[in-house]
PDB file of N, CA and C in Angstrom:
ATOM      1  N   MET A   1      34.654 126.003 157.169  1.00  0.00           N
ATOM      2  CA  MET A   1      35.839 125.996 156.790  1.00  0.00           C
ATOM      3  C   MET A   1      35.916 127.301 155.658  1.00  0.00           C
ATOM      4  N   LEU A   2      36.815 127.866 155.264  1.00  0.00           N
ATOM      5  CA  LEU A   2      37.544 129.080 154.658  1.00  0.00           C
ATOM      6  C   LEU A   2      38.437 128.705 154.210  1.00  0.00           C
ATOM      7  N   ARG A   3      38.232 129.441 152.409  1.00  0.00           N
ATOM      8  CA  ARG A   3      39.043 129.160 151.354  1.00  0.00           C
ATOM      9  C   ARG A   3      39.395 131.062 151.472  1.00  0.00           C
ATOM     10  N   LEU A   4      40.356 131.604 150.995  1.00  0.00           N
ATOM     11  CA  LEU A   4      41.443 131.952 150.399  1.00  0.00           C
ATOM     12  C   LEU A   4      42.452 131.994 149.759  1.00  0.00           C
ATOM     13  N   TYR A   5      42.459 133.593 148.799  1.00  0.00           N
ATOM     14  CA  TYR A   5      43.436 132.717 147.238  1.00  0.00           C
ATOM     15  C   TYR A   5      43.455 131.290 147.403  1.00  0.00           C
ATOM     16  N   GLY A   6      42.373 130.445 147.205  1.00  0.00           N
ATOM     17  CA  GLY A   6      42.224 128.945 146.951  1.00  0.00           C
ATOM     18  C   GLY A   6      43.094 128.278 147.712  1.00  0.00           C
ATOM     19  N   VAL A   7      42.723 128.512 149.029  1.00  0.00           N
ATOM     20  CA  VAL A   7      43.123 127.968 150.190  1.00  0.00           C
ATOM     21  C   VAL A   7      42.483 127.988 150.018  1.00  0.00           C
ATOM     22  N   LYS A   8      41.894 126.658 151.215  1.00  0.00           N
ATOM     23  CA  LYS A   8      41.458 125.490 152.570  1.00  0.00           C
ATOM     24  C   LYS A   8      41.659 125.747 153.489  1.00  0.00           C
ATOM     25  N   TYR A   9      41.376 126.832 154.387  1.00  0.00           N
ATOM     26  CA  TYR A   9      41.400 126.440 155.905  1.00  0.00           C
ATOM     27  C   TYR A   9      39.805 125.212 156.522  1.00  0.00           C
ATOM     28  N   LEU A  10      39.686 124.373 157.369  1.00  0.00           N
ATOM     29  CA  LEU A  10      39.351 123.333 158.222  1.00  0.00           C
ATOM     30  C   LEU A  10      39.717 124.177 159.596  1.00  0.00           C
ATOM     31  N   VAL A  11      38.280 124.282 160.576  1.00  0.00           N
ATOM     32  CA  VAL A  11      37.894 124.667 162.124  1.00  0.00           C
ATOM     33  C   VAL A  11      38.339 123.405 162.441  1.00  0.00           C
ATOM     34  N   GLU A  12      38.293 123.321 163.821  1.00  0.00           N
ATOM     35  CA  GLU A  12      39.012 122.109 164.611  1.00  0.00           C
ATOM     36  C   GLU A  12      37.012 120.779 164.329  1.00  0.00           C
ATOM     37  N   LYS A  13      35.869 121.237 164.004  1.00  0.00           N
ATOM     38  CA  LYS A  13      35.426 120.481 164.719  1.00  0.00           C
ATOM     39  C   LYS A  13      35.943 119.723 163.228  1.00  0.00           C
ATOM     40  N   GLU A  14      36.123 120.924 161.728  1.00  0.00           N
ATOM     41  CA  GLU A  14      35.977 120.251 161.247  1.00  0.00           C
ATOM     42  C   GLU A  14      37.123 118.905 160.785  1.00  0.00           C
ATOM     43  N   LEU A  15      38.424 119.111 161.226  1.00  0.00           N
ATOM     44  CA  LEU A  15      39.557 118.376 161.604  1.00  0.00           C
ATOM     45  C   LEU A  15      39.139 117.259 162.769  1.00  0.00           C
ATOM     46  N   SER A  16      38.014 117.348 163.414  1.00  0.00           N
ATOM     47  CA  SER A  16      37.887 115.798 164.424  1.00  0.00           C
ATOM     48  C   SER A  16      37.001 115.278 163.159  1.00  0.00           C
ATOM     49  N   ALA A  17      36.659 115.544 162.981  1.00  0.00           N
ATOM     50  CA  ALA A  17      34.985 114.684 161.810  1.00  0.00           C
ATOM     51  C   ALA A  17      36.053 113.896 161.336  1.00  0.00           C
ATOM     52  N   LYS A  18      36.947 114.021 160.600  1.00  0.00           N
ATOM     53  CA  LYS A  18      38.289 113.787 159.071  1.00  0.00           C
ATOM     54  C   LYS A  18      39.217 113.660 159.494  1.00  0.00           C
ATOM     55  N   TYR A  19      39.866 113.243 161.511  1.00  0.00           N
ATOM     56  CA  TYR A  19      41.163 112.842 160.637  1.00  0.00           C
ATOM     57  C   TYR A  19      40.408 111.433 162.633  1.00  0.00           C
ATOM     58  N   GLY A  20      39.041 111.387 162.584  1.00  0.00           N
ATOM     59  CA  GLY A  20      38.871 111.169 164.031  1.00  0.00           C
ATOM     60  C   GLY A  20      39.051 111.096 165.746  1.00  0.00           C
ATOM     61  N   LEU A  21      40.556 112.474 166.182  1.00  0.00           N
ATOM     62  CA  LEU A  21      40.116 113.083 167.556  1.00  0.00           C
ATOM     63  C   LEU A  21      39.252 113.848 167.604  1.00  0.00           C
ATOM     64  N   SER A  22      39.230 114.301 169.331  1.00  0.00           N
ATOM     65  CA  SER A  22      38.378 115.882 169.141  1.00  0.00           C
ATOM     66  C   SER A  22      38.664 116.724 169.177  1.00  0.00           C
ATOM     67  N   VAL A  23      37.174 117.611 169.281  1.00  0.00           N
ATOM     68  CA  VAL A  23      38.495 118.646 168.782  1.00  0.00           C
ATOM     69  C   VAL A  23      38.849 119.546 170.596  1.00  0.00           C
ATOM     70  N   ASN A  24      39.029 118.671 171.403  1.00  0.00           N
ATOM     71  CA  ASN A  24      39.649 119.261 172.451  1.00  0.00           C
ATOM     72  C   ASN A  24      41.127 118.766 172.603  1.00  0.00           C
ATOM     73  N   TRP A  25      41.472 117.243 171.588  1.00  0.00           N
ATOM     74  CA  TRP A  25      42.815 116.751 171.001  1.00  0.00           C
ATOM     75  C   TRP A  25      44.084 118.205 170.479  1.00  0.00           C
ATOM     76  N   PHE A  26      43.244 118.604 169.229  1.00  0.00           N
ATOM     77  CA  PHE A  26      43.263 120.519 168.506  1.00  0.00           C
ATOM     78  C   PHE A  26      44.555 120.978 169.732  1.00  0.00           C
ATOM     79  N   ARG A  27      42.892 121.126 170.672  1.00  0.00           N
ATOM     80  CA  ARG A  27      42.738 122.090 171.660  1.00  0.00           C
ATOM     81  C   ARG A  27      44.150 122.625 172.481  1.00  0.00           C
ATOM     82  N   LYS A  28      44.174 120.851 172.642  1.00  0.00           N
ATOM     83  CA  LYS A  28      45.070 120.852 174.426  1.00  0.00           C
ATOM     84  C   LYS A  28      46.286 121.407 173.298  1.00  0.00           C
ATOM     85  N   ALA A  29      46.474 120.199 172.413  1.00  0.00           N
ATOM     86  CA  ALA A  29      48.149 120.498 171.198  1.00  0.00           C
ATOM     87  C   ALA A  29      49.433 121.546 171.343  1.00  0.00           C
ATOM     88  N   ARG A  30      47.513 122.550 171.042  1.00  0.00           N
ATOM     89  CA  ARG A  30      48.633 123.300 171.114  1.00  0.00           C
ATOM     90  C   ARG A  30      48.318 123.995 171.802  1.00  0.00           C
ATOM     91  N   TYR A  31      48.162 124.439 173.066  1.00  0.00           N
ATOM     92  CA  TYR A  31      48.316 125.054 174.304  1.00  0.00           C
ATOM     93  C   TYR A  31      49.240 124.297 174.694  1.00  0.00           C
ATOM     94  N   ASP A  32      49.139 122.785 174.469  1.00  0.00           N
ATOM     95  CA  ASP A  32      51.057 122.736 174.732  1.00  0.00           C
ATOM     96  C   ASP A  32      52.624 122.549 173.990  1.00  0.00           C
ATOM     97  N   GLY A  33      51.504 123.777 172.668  1.00  0.00           N
ATOM     98  CA  GLY A  33      53.076 123.490 171.721  1.00  0.00           C
ATOM     99  C   GLY A  33      53.666 122.995 170.333  1.00  0.00           C
ATOM    100  N   LYS A  34      52.206 121.783 170.507  1.00  0.00           N
ATOM    101  CA  LYS A  34      52.699 121.082 169.887  1.00  0.00           C
ATOM    102  C   LYS A  34      51.430 120.762 168.977  1.00  0.00           C
ATOM    103  N   SER A  35      50.908 121.491 168.587  1.00  0.00           N
ATOM    104  CA  SER A  35      49.664 121.271 167.572  1.00  0.00           C
ATOM    105  C   SER A  35      50.105 121.688 165.584  1.00  0.00           C
ATOM    106  N   PRO A  36      49.396 120.883 164.760  1.00  0.00           N
ATOM    107  CA  PRO A  36      50.391 121.470 163.980  1.00  0.00           C
ATOM    108  C   PRO A  36      49.710 122.534 163.451  1.00  0.00           C
ATOM    109  N   LYS A  37      50.441 123.347 162.488  1.00  0.00           N
ATOM    110  CA  LYS A  37      50.523 124.965 162.161  1.00  0.00           C
ATOM    111  C   LYS A  37      49.459 125.433 162.232  1.00  0.00           C
ATOM    112  N   TYR A  38      49.239 126.185 163.151  1.00  0.00           N
ATOM    113  CA  TYR A  38      47.389 127.085 162.982  1.00  0.00           C
ATOM    114  C   TYR A  38      47.300 128.473 162.215  1.00  0.00           C
ATOM    115  N   HIS A  39      46.683 128.757 161.692  1.00  0.00           N
ATOM    116  CA  HIS A  39      46.572 130.724 161.933  1.00  0.00           C
ATOM    117  C   HIS A  39      45.414 131.013 162.251  1.00  0.00           C
ATOM    118  N   LYS A  40      44.898 131.983 163.116  1.00  0.00           N
ATOM    119  CA  LYS A  40      44.288 132.803 163.696  1.00  0.00           C
ATOM    120  C   LYS A  40      43.436 134.296 162.806  1.00  0.00           C
ATOM    121  N   LEU A  41      42.253 133.909 162.690  1.00  0.00           N
ATOM    122  CA  LEU A  41      41.100 135.323 161.527  1.00  0.00           C
ATOM    123  C   LEU A  41      40.107 135.227 162.718  1.00  0.00           C
ATOM    124  N   ASN A  42      40.196 136.596 163.415  1.00  0.00           N
ATOM    125  CA  ASN A  42      38.875 137.063 163.985  1.00  0.00           C
ATOM    126  C   ASN A  42      38.106 135.584 164.794  1.00  0.00           C
ATOM    127  N   GLY A  43      39.076 135.761 165.537  1.00  0.00           N
ATOM    128  CA  GLY A  43      39.350 134.791 166.796  1.00  0.00           C
ATOM    129  C   GLY A  43      38.939 133.504 166.305  1.00  0.00           C
ATOM    130  N   LYS A  44      38.856 133.066 165.995  1.00  0.00           N
ATOM    131  CA  LYS A  44      39.411 132.242 164.957  1.00  0.00           C
ATOM    132  C   LYS A  44      40.330 131.242 164.907  1.00  0.00           C
ATOM    133  N   VAL A  45      40.375 129.645 164.776  1.00  0.00           N
ATOM    134  CA  VAL A  45      41.389 128.550 164.538  1.00  0.00           C
ATOM    135  C   VAL A  45      41.497 127.958 163.396  1.00  0.00           C
ATOM    136  N   TYR A  46      41.771 127.879 162.552  1.00  0.00           N
ATOM    137  CA  TYR A  46      42.039 127.574 161.493  1.00  0.00           C
ATOM    138  C   TYR A  46      44.055 126.656 160.292  1.00  0.00           C
ATOM    139  N   TYR A  47      42.917 125.670 160.034  1.00  0.00           N
ATOM    140  CA  TYR A  47      44.272 124.891 159.934  1.00  0.00           C
ATOM    141  C   TYR A  47      44.471 123.682 158.386  1.00  0.00           C
ATOM    142  N   THR A  48      45.484 124.318 157.490  1.00  0.00           N
ATOM    143  CA  THR A  48      45.221 123.791 156.372  1.00  0.00           C
ATOM    144  C   THR A  48      45.387 121.709 156.184  1.00  0.00           C
ATOM    145  N   GLU A  49      44.639 121.261 155.610  1.00  0.00           N
ATOM    146  CA  GLU A  49      44.793 120.162 155.018  1.00  0.00           C
ATOM    147  C   GLU A  49      45.969 120.162 155.097  1.00  0.00           C
ATOM    148  N   GLU A  50      46.909 120.066 153.597  1.00  0.00           N
ATOM    149  CA  GLU A  50      48.381 120.293 154.709  1.00  0.00           C
ATOM    150  C   GLU A  50      49.343 120.537 155.648  1.00  0.00           C
ATOM    151  N   ASN A  51      49.141 120.870 155.768  1.00  0.00           N
ATOM    152  CA  ASN A  51      50.802 121.484 157.334  1.00  0.00           C
ATOM    153  C   ASN A  51      49.540 120.348 158.837  1.00  0.00           C
ATOM    154  N   VAL A  52      48.524 119.611 158.899  1.00  0.00           N
ATOM    155  CA  VAL A  52      48.006 118.829 159.527  1.00  0.00           C
ATOM    156  C   VAL A  52      48.669 117.589 159.047  1.00  0.00           C
ATOM    157  N   ASP A  53      48.568 116.851 157.412  1.00  0.00           N
ATOM    158  CA  ASP A  53      48.471 115.907 156.671  1.00  0.00           C
ATOM    159  C   ASP A  53      50.567 115.939 157.738  1.00  0.00           C
ATOM    160  N   ARG A  54      51.065 116.801 156.397  1.00  0.00           N
ATOM    161  CA  ARG A  54      53.088 117.157 157.436  1.00  0.00           C
ATOM    162  C   ARG A  54      52.910 117.059 158.382  1.00  0.00           C
ATOM    163  N   TRP A  55      52.167 117.301 159.526  1.00  0.00           N
ATOM    164  CA  TRP A  55      52.395 117.897 161.135  1.00  0.00           C
ATOM    165  C   TRP A  55      52.845 115.993 161.356  1.00  0.00           C
ATOM    166  N   PHE A  56      51.318 115.163 161.086  1.00  0.00           N
ATOM    167  CA  PHE A  56      50.929 113.797 160.913  1.00  0.00           C
ATOM    168  C   PHE A  56      52.303 112.576 160.698  1.00  0.00           C
ATOM    169  N   LYS A  57      52.321 112.851 159.581  1.00  0.00           N
ATOM    170  CA  LYS A  57      53.777 112.606 158.496  1.00  0.00           C
ATOM    171  C   LYS A  57      55.085 112.512 159.715  1.00  0.00           C
ATOM    172  N   ASP A  58      55.457 113.208 159.976  1.00  0.00           N
ATOM    173  CA  ASP A  58      56.519 113.839 160.494  1.00  0.00           C
ATOM    174  C   ASP A  58      56.930 114.351 162.150  1.00  0.00           C
ATOM    175  N   ASN A  59      55.311 113.534 162.690  1.00  0.00           N
ATOM    176  CA  ASN A  59      55.300 113.017 164.509  1.00  0.00           C
ATOM    177  C   ASN A  59      54.808 111.109 164.214  1.00  0.00           C
ATOM    178  N   LEU A  60      54.201 110.735 163.575  1.00  0.00           N
ATOM    179  CA  LEU A  60      53.551 109.676 163.486  1.00  0.00           C
ATOM    180  C   LEU A  60      54.066 108.322 164.068  1.00  0.00           C
ATOM    181  N   LYS A  61      55.122 107.948 165.057  1.00  0.00           N
ATOM    182  CA  LYS A  61      55.897 106.800 165.555  1.00  0.00           C
ATOM    183  C   LYS A  61      55.080 105.591 165.252  1.00  0.00           C
ATOM    184  N   THR A  62      56.015 105.010 165.209  1.00  0.00           N
ATOM    185  CA  THR A  62      56.017 103.389 164.881  1.00  0.00           C
ATOM    186  C   THR A  62      55.259 102.369 166.018  1.00  0.00           C
ATOM    187  N   VAL A  63      55.326 101.710 166.702  1.00  0.00           N
ATOM    188  CA  VAL A  63      55.797 101.236 168.208  1.00  0.00           C
ATOM    189  C   VAL A  63      55.359  99.961 167.507  1.00  0.00           C
ATOM    190  N   GLN A  64      56.276  98.738 168.048  1.00  0.00           N
ATOM    191  CA  GLN A  64      56.412  97.692 168.103  1.00  0.00           C
ATOM    192  C   GLN A  64      56.578  96.848 168.945  1.00  0.00           C
TER     193      GLN A  64
END
């Protein structure tokens, strides 16, 4: 975790534990251009919980 200017940024491993998805899911989604917004700093990828939560809300589909 990284905290900058009061904003908490999480790495893939932390997101994997929180959301129950693999680290590779986040990597593949990013590669395919279908991931939540992310930031890069010194070669590391960071996500905010707000962006990830919003992405899931906007992209979650109900199946009947």
